[in-house]
Amino acid sequence: MKLQISALHLSYGDVPALSGVSLEVQAGEVISVVGANGAGKSSLIRSIAGMEKPSAGRILFDGHDITGLHSHDTCNLGIGHVAEGRQLFGGMTVEDNLVLGAALPRARPHMRTGLADMYRLFPRLLERKRQLAGTLSGGEQQMLAIARCLMSRPSLVMFDEPTLGLAPAVVFEVFRIIAQLQQQGVTVLLVEQNVALSLQISTRAYVLENGCIVMSGSGSALLHDDRVRQAYLGL
């Protein structure tokens, strides 16, 4: 499995969001994309997921050209997306939300196995499986959003600000789960406001500024780079 993005451009009207972005994600890696608000991070994720249509450039995933494909097609190829804001069905139960995650053809035959796996990975969801998703705490809702994504059996999971608005203890739990997913062979593309924690768990990382990649390197190298520390870590 490989994700390769080449010279990607995306604009909203006359306002450019991405300007010639190129990056690679190899199987088994955790790749972080860091940058300030408005740098284009979410636009990049949404373009890969099929929610935005680039004006130029190519997105290749596992040998398929997915540039401009609809989101249900990219999902069925194995790209999962944990969106900012969780986007759960609040009036449905926890378990019903999980079952919806397995609605794709690639995942439907494995729904029961998937439910058992998610309840092992997220024991709190088993306790809450008959509860309406909208009544869960913020941390529980984020766990449900991650579990619902995993129900689609993705080989690549993209996280868009997964710890936004969460208590510190829950933040560390989310990062623990991301590290655990990598150990299980899931590839991760991470956009996250907590730059320090992101770089600590990342194989490699890219710095995005004003829609352009301006730096890249190992997570450790960028974590100790003076420019990154001053710009994003306040050090």
Foldseek 3Di string as FASTA:
>chain_A
DKKWWFQWWAADVPATQAGGATDMFDWLFEEEEEEDPSLNPVVVVCQLQLNGATPDTFIADPRDTCHNPHNLVSLLVFEFECDPPLPFPQQAFLQVLLQVLQPRPQQVVCSVVLVVVLCVVPVVCVVRRRPGLNPDDPLVSLSSSVSSRCSSVHLEYEYAASCPPHDPVSVVVVLVVVLVVSVVRRTYYYYHLPLLSSLVSGQKYFYGGNNYTDDIDHSVVLNPDPVNCVPRVVD
